[in-house]
Amino acid sequence: MAEVFGDPTDFAIEAGVESDRHTAATVWGHMRVWCRGVALGNLDDRYCGLYQAYSEFVRLTANLDSLWADELTGLDDVSAWNFLDGMLYGYHGDIELADERTLEECERDAARWGPFNFLTNWGEQFDGYKSFLLCPPGDLARVLSRRLPEHMGCGVSVAQRGIVEATADFAQWFEAESRRLHVPCHRLIRRRD
């Protein structure tokens, strides 16, 4: 059974733990994220390692203030998506770009733009849900995903505070489950006031 942390009509994390097969290093479960009533992730994909998503959410909320850059100013959702997708993956949607960057330039761009990744490589439950998170000045964050319904385009706004609160509650739950299952979990998060 999954629990919901946050408000699915704004931002929420839905997660559950499997009843068996846990190891000394892995809490197995299932999860998805809600952004303005749209689910991103496959809750039916069972036995996914949850630690990667947990650690990425902790990292994300600790760095929300850094998820903006002058290069993103004035870009619409599709342009911002293409910019980040190009810098990190060499694509604009499904179109592969000719990339003349050196290895050093690719590594520099990965370090600079990698923190904008959202859900990408966060576990099997998010396979096929490549997304980016932007936090322009103000109280809202922008989630970019090509898995949003067509009428929404590829971006939705959610409250930054909603991300922080949902993550804090999810992290507290995950840490409690890790203790209950005797799986070490060393990262902690505090709620931002």
Protein backbone atom coordinates (compact mmCIF):
# COMPACT_ATOMS: atom_id res chain seq x y z
CA MET A 1 0.00 0.00 0.00
CA ALA A 2 1.36 3.39 -1.00
CA GLU A 3 1.34 6.56 1.08
CA VAL A 4 1.03 10.07 -0.35
CA PHE A 5 3.29 12.84 0.89
CA GLY A 6 2.18 16.32 -0.16
CA ASP A 7 -0.74 17.51 -2.25
CA PRO A 8 -1.27 15.68 -5.59
CA THR A 9 -3.01 18.76 -7.01
CA ASP A 10 0.25 20.69 -6.50
CA PHE A 11 3.20 18.40 -5.73
CA ALA A 12 3.28 15.03 -4.00
CA ILE A 13 5.36 11.89 -3.70
CA GLU A 14 3.49 8.58 -3.54
CA ALA A 15 5.49 5.61 -2.30
CA GLY A 16 5.15 2.20 -0.74
CA VAL A 17 7.44 -0.56 0.48
CA GLU A 18 7.23 -4.16 -0.70
CA SER A 19 6.47 -6.74 1.96
CA ASP A 20 9.47 -8.96 1.21
CA ARG A 21 12.87 -9.43 -0.47
CA HIS A 22 14.63 -6.54 1.28
CA THR A 23 18.38 -6.90 1.63
CA ALA A 24 20.89 -5.35 4.01
CA ALA A 25 21.52 -2.68 1.36
CA THR A 26 18.17 -2.10 -0.36
CA VAL A 27 14.65 -1.07 0.55
CA TRP A 28 12.42 -2.35 -2.27
CA GLY A 29 9.28 -0.46 -3.12
CA HIS A 30 7.29 1.48 -5.67
CA MET A 31 6.63 5.17 -6.21
CA ARG A 32 5.57 8.01 -8.44
CA VAL A 33 5.41 11.80 -8.26
CA TRP A 34 2.33 13.98 -8.70
CA CYS A 35 2.58 17.39 -10.39
CA ARG A 36 -0.67 19.35 -10.67
CA GLY A 37 -2.73 16.16 -10.67
CA VAL A 38 -0.55 14.34 -13.22
CA ALA A 39 1.34 11.21 -12.17
CA LEU A 40 4.95 10.86 -13.31
CA GLY A 41 6.41 7.43 -12.72
CA ASN A 42 5.07 3.91 -12.71
CA LEU A 43 3.58 2.95 -9.34
CA ASP A 44 2.89 -0.54 -10.70
CA ASP A 45 6.60 -1.18 -11.28
CA ARG A 46 7.26 -3.19 -8.12
CA TYR A 47 10.50 -3.99 -6.36
CA CYS A 48 12.34 -0.81 -7.30
CA GLY A 49 15.20 0.36 -5.10
CA LEU A 50 13.94 3.47 -3.31
CA TYR A 51 17.23 4.80 -1.95
CA GLN A 52 18.26 6.48 -5.21
CA ALA A 53 15.04 8.51 -5.37
CA TYR A 54 15.31 9.30 -1.66
CA SER A 55 18.87 10.60 -1.98
CA GLU A 56 18.02 12.58 -5.14
CA PHE A 57 15.05 14.25 -3.44
CA VAL A 58 17.24 15.17 -0.45
CA ARG A 59 19.87 16.62 -2.79
CA LEU A 60 17.23 18.42 -4.83
CA THR A 61 15.58 20.20 -1.92
CA ALA A 62 18.93 21.23 -0.50
CA ASN A 63 19.74 22.89 -3.85
CA LEU A 64 16.43 24.35 -5.05
CA ASP A 65 17.85 27.86 -4.92
CA SER A 66 20.54 26.92 -7.46
CA LEU A 67 18.13 25.59 -10.10
CA TRP A 68 18.05 28.73 -12.17
CA ALA A 69 20.48 30.32 -14.61
CA ASP A 70 20.49 33.45 -16.75
CA GLU A 71 20.60 31.24 -19.85
CA LEU A 72 17.03 30.11 -19.05
CA THR A 73 15.57 33.62 -18.80
CA GLY A 74 12.92 34.23 -21.46
CA LEU A 75 12.79 30.61 -22.65
CA ASP A 76 9.39 28.94 -22.99
CA ASP A 77 9.00 25.35 -21.74
CA VAL A 78 9.94 23.69 -25.04
CA SER A 79 13.01 25.91 -25.48
CA ALA A 80 14.13 25.29 -21.88
CA TRP A 81 13.59 21.54 -22.37
CA ASN A 82 15.61 21.58 -25.60
CA PHE A 83 18.40 23.59 -23.99
CA LEU A 84 18.78 21.22 -21.02
CA ASP A 85 18.22 18.08 -23.10
CA GLY A 86 20.87 19.25 -25.54
CA MET A 87 23.41 20.16 -22.87
CA LEU A 88 22.95 16.92 -20.92
CA TYR A 89 21.90 14.29 -23.45
CA GLY A 90 22.59 15.68 -26.93
CA TYR A 91 18.93 15.66 -27.94
CA HIS A 92 16.02 17.98 -28.64
CA GLY A 93 13.10 15.69 -27.93
CA ASP A 94 13.63 12.65 -30.14
CA ILE A 95 16.15 14.33 -32.44
CA GLU A 96 19.83 13.61 -31.82
CA LEU A 97 22.03 16.68 -32.16
CA ALA A 98 25.41 16.91 -33.82
CA ASP A 99 27.68 17.47 -30.83
CA GLU A 100 31.14 18.87 -31.41
CA ARG A 101 31.98 19.40 -27.72
CA THR A 102 35.13 17.93 -26.26
CA LEU A 103 35.00 15.46 -23.38
CA GLU A 104 36.03 18.26 -21.01
CA GLU A 105 33.22 20.49 -22.29
CA CYS A 106 30.68 17.66 -21.87
CA GLU A 107 31.90 17.04 -18.31
CA ARG A 108 31.68 20.77 -17.55
CA ASP A 109 28.14 20.94 -18.94
CA ALA A 110 27.11 17.80 -17.02
CA ALA A 111 28.35 19.36 -13.77
CA ARG A 112 26.67 22.70 -14.55
CA TRP A 113 23.31 21.43 -15.85
CA GLY A 114 23.03 17.99 -14.21
CA PRO A 115 21.36 19.32 -11.05
CA PHE A 116 18.36 20.32 -13.22
CA ASN A 117 17.63 16.61 -13.86
CA PHE A 118 14.39 15.54 -12.23
CA LEU A 119 13.35 11.87 -12.01
CA THR A 120 15.85 10.94 -14.73
CA ASN A 121 17.90 7.96 -13.51
CA TRP A 122 16.16 8.05 -10.10
CA GLY A 123 15.15 4.39 -10.30
CA GLU A 124 13.34 1.95 -12.53
CA GLN A 125 9.98 3.43 -11.56
CA PHE A 126 10.93 6.57 -13.50
CA ASP A 127 12.27 4.90 -16.66
CA GLY A 128 10.89 6.84 -19.61
CA TYR A 129 9.99 9.88 -17.47
CA LYS A 130 12.95 12.13 -18.24
CA SER A 131 12.15 15.48 -16.65
CA PHE A 132 13.83 18.70 -15.57
CA LEU A 133 13.13 21.04 -12.66
CA LEU A 134 13.63 24.80 -12.84
CA CYS A 135 13.28 27.23 -9.93
CA PRO A 136 13.10 30.75 -11.29
CA PRO A 137 13.02 33.61 -8.79
CA GLY A 138 9.79 33.49 -6.77
CA ASP A 139 7.80 30.81 -5.01
CA LEU A 140 7.09 28.47 -7.92
CA ALA A 141 9.15 25.76 -9.58
CA ARG A 142 8.61 24.54 -13.12
CA VAL A 143 8.56 20.80 -13.88
CA LEU A 144 9.33 20.04 -17.52
CA SER A 145 8.26 16.63 -18.78
CA ARG A 146 7.20 15.28 -22.15
CA ARG A 147 4.92 12.83 -20.26
CA LEU A 148 2.45 15.59 -19.32
CA PRO A 149 -0.92 15.60 -21.09
CA GLU A 150 -0.90 17.41 -24.42
CA HIS A 151 -3.16 20.23 -23.18
CA MET A 152 -0.56 21.08 -20.50
CA GLY A 153 2.35 21.30 -22.91
CA CYS A 154 5.63 20.12 -21.43
CA GLY A 155 5.65 22.16 -18.23
CA VAL A 156 3.68 22.76 -15.05
CA SER A 157 4.26 25.06 -12.11
CA VAL A 158 4.31 23.70 -8.57
CA ALA A 159 5.03 25.40 -5.26
CA GLN A 160 8.66 25.17 -4.17
CA ARG A 161 7.40 24.90 -0.60
CA GLY A 162 5.26 21.93 -1.68
CA ILE A 163 8.37 20.17 -3.01
CA VAL A 164 10.25 20.82 0.22
CA GLU A 165 7.40 19.68 2.48
CA ALA A 166 6.57 16.56 0.45
CA THR A 167 10.25 15.62 0.34
CA ALA A 168 10.70 16.13 4.08
CA ASP A 169 7.71 13.89 4.83
CA PHE A 170 8.82 11.27 2.28
CA ALA A 171 12.38 11.32 3.66
CA GLN A 172 11.14 10.88 7.23
CA TRP A 173 8.97 7.94 6.11
CA PHE A 174 11.81 6.37 4.11
CA GLU A 175 14.23 6.69 7.04
CA ALA A 176 11.66 5.06 9.38
CA GLU A 177 11.11 2.22 6.90
CA SER A 178 14.87 1.76 6.56
CA ARG A 179 15.19 1.44 10.34
CA ARG A 180 12.21 -0.94 10.51
CA LEU A 181 13.72 -3.14 7.80
CA HIS A 182 17.27 -2.85 9.22
CA VAL A 183 18.62 -1.24 6.04
CA PRO A 184 21.21 1.48 6.75
CA CYS A 185 20.14 4.99 5.77
CA HIS A 186 22.53 7.75 6.75
CA ARG A 187 21.08 10.88 5.11
CA LEU A 188 18.73 13.18 7.01
CA ILE A 189 16.71 16.17 5.89
CA ARG A 190 15.18 19.01 7.83
CA ARG A 191 12.05 20.84 6.83
CA ARG A 192 12.74 24.40 5.66
CA ASP A 193 10.56 26.99 7.45
